[in-house]
Amino acid sequence: MDELAQALSSAEDQPSVGDVRHGFMLGDYRLLLTAGTLAELAGKAAICALPDTPAWFAGFINHRGHTVPVYDLNMLIGAGATDLKRQYWILLLDRQPATFGVILRQLPAAINDPQPGSPEAAVQLPEPLAGCVSGQYQVDQQSWAELDHRALIQQLKSIFRDRDVLSAASEKPE
């Protein structure tokens, strides 16, 4: 038997790794990135806050010469503001120019072989994340909601627009 055949034969004997995905926590909620999502973890970075923006919009960071918006989704879902003086990470999602960041309080995890979850075990996310779920999965008796990050950024943009419309309407003289 030649070396290639031996290598293929021994590879067949090894257990398969399966699907490896990335998951993270927001408050008590377990979120899983969709397969193929471009993601990068950035350490603690200087966040430039902007006045007159919602508290859950942390501001912008400079990432490789690009301005990237960063969101504190923990605050948005009612899990309190992230203390930026303590340890945190920024999960960067998508390619430029669509890149945005999400502040994480703990490191993301590699999730091995998630299985489609049953409707009874589905994670019910709070608004505005509820409309950004593209699937439900189970891993070791834990339920994970698959987050559609592109739907999420559209949802966040619509919240900004609605806020601006309400603000402009309240400033109109009667």
C-alpha atoms as a PDB file:
ATOM      1  CA  MET A   1       0.000   0.000   0.000  1.00  0.00           C
ATOM      2  CA  ASP A   2       1.474   3.381  -0.923  1.00  0.00           C
ATOM      3  CA  GLU A   3       1.658   6.338   1.510  1.00  0.00           C
ATOM      4  CA  LEU A   4      -1.350   8.167   0.031  1.00  0.00           C
ATOM      5  CA  ALA A   5      -3.572   5.109   0.324  1.00  0.00           C
ATOM      6  CA  GLN A   6      -2.416   4.586   3.919  1.00  0.00           C
ATOM      7  CA  ALA A   7      -3.145   8.214   4.793  1.00  0.00           C
ATOM      8  CA  LEU A   8      -6.638   8.004   3.258  1.00  0.00           C
ATOM      9  CA  SER A   9      -7.313   4.741   5.027  1.00  0.00           C
ATOM     10  CA  SER A  10      -6.268   6.113   8.420  1.00  0.00           C
ATOM     11  CA  ALA A  11      -8.281   9.310   7.815  1.00  0.00           C
ATOM     12  CA  GLU A  12     -11.391   7.198   7.257  1.00  0.00           C
ATOM     13  CA  ASP A  13     -10.839   5.567  10.643  1.00  0.00           C
ATOM     14  CA  GLN A  14     -10.781   8.946  12.437  1.00  0.00           C
ATOM     15  CA  PRO A  15     -14.045  10.377  13.745  1.00  0.00           C
ATOM     16  CA  SER A  16     -15.251  13.284  11.616  1.00  0.00           C
ATOM     17  CA  VAL A  17     -15.064  16.736  13.102  1.00  0.00           C
ATOM     18  CA  GLY A  18     -18.490  17.757  11.834  1.00  0.00           C
ATOM     19  CA  ASP A  19     -19.808  21.274  11.628  1.00  0.00           C
ATOM     20  CA  VAL A  20     -17.951  23.821  13.778  1.00  0.00           C
ATOM     21  CA  ARG A  21     -19.766  27.101  14.358  1.00  0.00           C
ATOM     22  CA  HIS A  22     -19.159  30.115  16.576  1.00  0.00           C
ATOM     23  CA  GLY A  23     -21.480  31.037  19.396  1.00  0.00           C
ATOM     24  CA  PHE A  24     -21.625  33.824  21.926  1.00  0.00           C
ATOM     25  CA  MET A  25     -23.727  35.017  24.828  1.00  0.00           C
ATOM     26  CA  LEU A  26     -25.827  38.157  25.054  1.00  0.00           C
ATOM     27  CA  GLY A  27     -27.192  38.310  28.566  1.00  0.00           C
ATOM     28  CA  ASP A  28     -28.637  34.843  29.170  1.00  0.00           C
ATOM     29  CA  TYR A  29     -29.201  34.167  25.470  1.00  0.00           C
ATOM     30  CA  ARG A  30     -27.032  31.807  23.419  1.00  0.00           C
ATOM     31  CA  LEU A  31     -26.525  33.000  19.846  1.00  0.00           C
ATOM     32  CA  LEU A  32     -24.943  31.105  17.004  1.00  0.00           C
ATOM     33  CA  LEU A  33     -23.481  32.721  13.898  1.00  0.00           C
ATOM     34  CA  THR A  34     -24.807  31.429  10.606  1.00  0.00           C
ATOM     35  CA  ALA A  35     -22.468  29.099   8.731  1.00  0.00           C
ATOM     36  CA  GLY A  36     -19.980  31.001   6.591  1.00  0.00           C
ATOM     37  CA  THR A  37     -20.300  34.287   8.474  1.00  0.00           C
ATOM     38  CA  LEU A  38     -17.079  36.247   8.304  1.00  0.00           C
ATOM     39  CA  ALA A  39     -16.226  37.068  11.925  1.00  0.00           C
ATOM     40  CA  GLU A  40     -13.182  38.382  13.717  1.00  0.00           C
ATOM     41  CA  LEU A  41     -12.570  38.985  17.389  1.00  0.00           C
ATOM     42  CA  ALA A  42     -10.958  42.275  18.371  1.00  0.00           C
ATOM     43  CA  GLY A  43      -9.672  42.949  21.849  1.00  0.00           C
ATOM     44  CA  LYS A  44     -10.502  45.949  23.943  1.00  0.00           C
ATOM     45  CA  ALA A  45     -10.399  48.953  21.625  1.00  0.00           C
ATOM     46  CA  ALA A  46     -10.950  52.663  22.083  1.00  0.00           C
ATOM     47  CA  ILE A  47     -14.578  53.340  21.223  1.00  0.00           C
ATOM     48  CA  CYS A  48     -15.414  56.843  20.069  1.00  0.00           C
ATOM     49  CA  ALA A  49     -18.897  57.598  21.375  1.00  0.00           C
ATOM     50  CA  LEU A  50     -21.238  59.998  19.603  1.00  0.00           C
ATOM     51  CA  PRO A  51     -23.554  62.427  21.374  1.00  0.00           C
ATOM     52  CA  ASP A  52     -27.305  62.181  20.860  1.00  0.00           C
ATOM     53  CA  THR A  53     -27.269  58.497  19.959  1.00  0.00           C
ATOM     54  CA  PRO A  54     -28.997  55.681  21.825  1.00  0.00           C
ATOM     55  CA  ALA A  55     -27.001  54.329  24.774  1.00  0.00           C
ATOM     56  CA  TRP A  56     -26.828  50.876  23.107  1.00  0.00           C
ATOM     57  CA  PHE A  57     -24.891  52.382  20.207  1.00  0.00           C
ATOM     58  CA  ALA A  58     -21.414  52.380  21.759  1.00  0.00           C
ATOM     59  CA  GLY A  59     -19.807  54.392  18.940  1.00  0.00           C
ATOM     60  CA  PHE A  60     -17.086  53.710  16.378  1.00  0.00           C
ATOM     61  CA  ILE A  61     -13.705  52.013  16.389  1.00  0.00           C
ATOM     62  CA  ASN A  62     -10.861  52.226  13.917  1.00  0.00           C
ATOM     63  CA  HIS A  63     -10.217  48.742  12.582  1.00  0.00           C
ATOM     64  CA  ARG A  64      -7.435  48.513  10.005  1.00  0.00           C
ATOM     65  CA  GLY A  65      -8.100  52.054   8.845  1.00  0.00           C
ATOM     66  CA  HIS A  66     -11.876  51.588   8.563  1.00  0.00           C
ATOM     67  CA  THR A  67     -14.509  53.196  10.746  1.00  0.00           C
ATOM     68  CA  VAL A  68     -16.643  50.418  12.245  1.00  0.00           C
ATOM     69  CA  PRO A  69     -19.864  50.988  14.237  1.00  0.00           C
ATOM     70  CA  VAL A  70     -20.055  49.081  17.533  1.00  0.00           C
ATOM     71  CA  TYR A  71     -23.220  48.099  19.399  1.00  0.00           C
ATOM     72  CA  ASP A  72     -23.786  47.102  23.021  1.00  0.00           C
ATOM     73  CA  LEU A  73     -26.591  44.644  22.351  1.00  0.00           C
ATOM     74  CA  ASN A  74     -26.624  43.615  26.021  1.00  0.00           C
ATOM     75  CA  MET A  75     -27.983  47.063  26.792  1.00  0.00           C
ATOM     76  CA  LEU A  76     -30.413  46.915  23.871  1.00  0.00           C
ATOM     77  CA  ILE A  77     -32.004  43.701  25.155  1.00  0.00           C
ATOM     78  CA  GLY A  78     -32.186  44.929  28.752  1.00  0.00           C
ATOM     79  CA  ALA A  79     -29.190  43.045  30.176  1.00  0.00           C
ATOM     80  CA  GLY A  80     -27.525  46.269  31.355  1.00  0.00           C
ATOM     81  CA  ALA A  81     -24.721  48.318  29.898  1.00  0.00           C
ATOM     82  CA  THR A  82     -21.337  46.690  29.433  1.00  0.00           C
ATOM     83  CA  ASP A  83     -18.721  48.239  31.712  1.00  0.00           C
ATOM     84  CA  LEU A  84     -16.114  49.365  29.202  1.00  0.00           C
ATOM     85  CA  LYS A  85     -13.554  49.767  31.986  1.00  0.00           C
ATOM     86  CA  ARG A  86     -13.591  46.001  32.496  1.00  0.00           C
ATOM     87  CA  GLN A  87     -12.546  43.243  30.091  1.00  0.00           C
ATOM     88  CA  TYR A  88     -14.622  42.995  26.918  1.00  0.00           C
ATOM     89  CA  TRP A  89     -14.217  41.933  23.322  1.00  0.00           C
ATOM     90  CA  ILE A  90     -15.647  43.204  20.079  1.00  0.00           C
ATOM     91  CA  LEU A  91     -17.006  40.625  17.670  1.00  0.00           C
ATOM     92  CA  LEU A  92     -16.647  42.056  14.164  1.00  0.00           C
ATOM     93  CA  LEU A  93     -19.092  40.692  11.616  1.00  0.00           C
ATOM     94  CA  ASP A  94     -19.107  40.808   7.813  1.00  0.00           C
ATOM     95  CA  ARG A  95     -16.778  42.329   5.225  1.00  0.00           C
ATOM     96  CA  GLN A  96     -16.058  46.002   4.683  1.00  0.00           C
ATOM     97  CA  PRO A  97     -17.943  48.218   4.054  1.00  0.00           C
ATOM     98  CA  ALA A  98     -20.698  46.312   5.912  1.00  0.00           C
ATOM     99  CA  THR A  99     -18.583  45.432   8.974  1.00  0.00           C
ATOM    100  CA  PHE A 100     -20.069  46.161  12.383  1.00  0.00           C
ATOM    101  CA  GLY A 101     -19.090  45.196  15.903  1.00  0.00           C
ATOM    102  CA  VAL A 102     -20.922  43.709  18.860  1.00  0.00           C
ATOM    103  CA  ILE A 103     -19.515  44.098  22.366  1.00  0.00           C
ATOM    104  CA  LEU A 104     -19.141  40.754  24.145  1.00  0.00           C
ATOM    105  CA  ARG A 105     -18.619  40.299  27.872  1.00  0.00           C
ATOM    106  CA  GLN A 106     -17.081  36.867  27.427  1.00  0.00           C
ATOM    107  CA  LEU A 107     -15.182  35.107  24.698  1.00  0.00           C
ATOM    108  CA  PRO A 108     -17.157  33.366  21.957  1.00  0.00           C
ATOM    109  CA  ALA A 109     -17.065  29.579  21.865  1.00  0.00           C
ATOM    110  CA  ALA A 110     -16.546  27.002  19.147  1.00  0.00           C
ATOM    111  CA  ILE A 111     -19.766  25.011  18.902  1.00  0.00           C
ATOM    112  CA  ASN A 112     -19.312  21.514  17.499  1.00  0.00           C
ATOM    113  CA  ASP A 113     -21.972  19.833  15.425  1.00  0.00           C
ATOM    114  CA  PRO A 114     -25.107  21.797  16.358  1.00  0.00           C
ATOM    115  CA  GLN A 115     -28.274  19.860  15.605  1.00  0.00           C
ATOM    116  CA  PRO A 116     -31.544  21.439  14.486  1.00  0.00           C
ATOM    117  CA  GLY A 117     -33.636  22.137  17.568  1.00  0.00           C
ATOM    118  CA  SER A 118     -37.231  21.257  18.221  1.00  0.00           C
ATOM    119  CA  PRO A 119     -39.832  24.031  18.223  1.00  0.00           C
ATOM    120  CA  GLU A 120     -40.529  23.325  21.913  1.00  0.00           C
ATOM    121  CA  ALA A 121     -36.914  24.141  22.821  1.00  0.00           C
ATOM    122  CA  ALA A 122     -36.729  27.284  20.674  1.00  0.00           C
ATOM    123  CA  VAL A 123     -35.017  30.280  22.231  1.00  0.00           C
ATOM    124  CA  GLN A 124     -37.377  33.241  22.455  1.00  0.00           C
ATOM    125  CA  LEU A 125     -35.220  36.317  22.006  1.00  0.00           C
ATOM    126  CA  PRO A 126     -36.344  39.760  23.140  1.00  0.00           C
ATOM    127  CA  GLU A 127     -37.199  42.477  20.653  1.00  0.00           C
ATOM    128  CA  PRO A 128     -35.489  43.645  18.499  1.00  0.00           C
ATOM    129  CA  LEU A 129     -33.466  40.432  18.108  1.00  0.00           C
ATOM    130  CA  ALA A 130     -36.540  38.202  17.735  1.00  0.00           C
ATOM    131  CA  GLY A 131     -36.888  38.982  14.024  1.00  0.00           C
ATOM    132  CA  CYS A 132     -33.226  38.193  13.355  1.00  0.00           C
ATOM    133  CA  VAL A 133     -33.309  34.451  14.040  1.00  0.00           C
ATOM    134  CA  SER A 134     -32.699  32.185  11.057  1.00  0.00           C
ATOM    135  CA  GLY A 135     -32.715  28.857  12.901  1.00  0.00           C
ATOM    136  CA  GLN A 136     -32.738  27.025  16.212  1.00  0.00           C
ATOM    137  CA  TYR A 137     -30.121  24.492  17.302  1.00  0.00           C
ATOM    138  CA  GLN A 138     -29.375  22.146  20.174  1.00  0.00           C
ATOM    139  CA  VAL A 139     -25.926  21.386  21.584  1.00  0.00           C
ATOM    140  CA  ASP A 140     -25.563  19.311  24.762  1.00  0.00           C
ATOM    141  CA  GLN A 141     -29.136  20.066  25.912  1.00  0.00           C
ATOM    142  CA  GLN A 142     -28.575  23.788  25.351  1.00  0.00           C
ATOM    143  CA  SER A 143     -30.685  25.774  22.925  1.00  0.00           C
ATOM    144  CA  TRP A 144     -28.966  28.200  20.567  1.00  0.00           C
ATOM    145  CA  ALA A 145     -30.686  30.743  18.317  1.00  0.00           C
ATOM    146  CA  GLU A 146     -28.969  31.262  14.971  1.00  0.00           C
ATOM    147  CA  LEU A 147     -28.495  34.990  14.455  1.00  0.00           C
ATOM    148  CA  ASP A 148     -28.871  36.430  10.972  1.00  0.00           C
ATOM    149  CA  HIS A 149     -26.390  39.300  11.351  1.00  0.00           C
ATOM    150  CA  ARG A 150     -27.547  41.024   8.172  1.00  0.00           C
ATOM    151  CA  ALA A 151     -31.140  41.093   9.404  1.00  0.00           C
ATOM    152  CA  LEU A 152     -29.811  42.386  12.723  1.00  0.00           C
ATOM    153  CA  ILE A 153     -27.990  45.346  11.198  1.00  0.00           C
ATOM    154  CA  GLN A 154     -31.091  46.219   9.149  1.00  0.00           C
ATOM    155  CA  GLN A 155     -33.151  46.072  12.350  1.00  0.00           C
ATOM    156  CA  LEU A 156     -30.675  48.335  14.165  1.00  0.00           C
ATOM    157  CA  LYS A 157     -30.735  50.823  11.287  1.00  0.00           C
ATOM    158  CA  SER A 158     -34.547  50.883  11.340  1.00  0.00           C
ATOM    159  CA  ILE A 159     -34.503  51.595  15.092  1.00  0.00           C
ATOM    160  CA  PHE A 160     -32.209  54.556  14.407  1.00  0.00           C
ATOM    161  CA  ARG A 161     -34.526  55.799  11.613  1.00  0.00           C
ATOM    162  CA  ASP A 162     -37.641  55.415  13.766  1.00  0.00           C
ATOM    163  CA  ARG A 163     -35.924  57.266  16.599  1.00  0.00           C
ATOM    164  CA  ASP A 164     -34.986  60.113  14.255  1.00  0.00           C
ATOM    165  CA  VAL A 165     -38.533  60.303  12.842  1.00  0.00           C
ATOM    166  CA  LEU A 166     -40.033  60.434  16.343  1.00  0.00           C
ATOM    167  CA  SER A 167     -37.477  63.024  17.430  1.00  0.00           C
ATOM    168  CA  ALA A 168     -38.172  65.224  14.380  1.00  0.00           C
ATOM    169  CA  ALA A 169     -41.940  64.923  14.889  1.00  0.00           C
ATOM    170  CA  SER A 170     -41.684  66.004  18.529  1.00  0.00           C
ATOM    171  CA  GLU A 171     -39.622  69.074  17.570  1.00  0.00           C
ATOM    172  CA  LYS A 172     -42.208  70.415  15.080  1.00  0.00           C
ATOM    173  CA  PRO A 173     -44.064  73.514  16.290  1.00  0.00           C
ATOM    174  CA  GLU A 174     -47.791  73.077  16.661  1.00  0.00           C
END
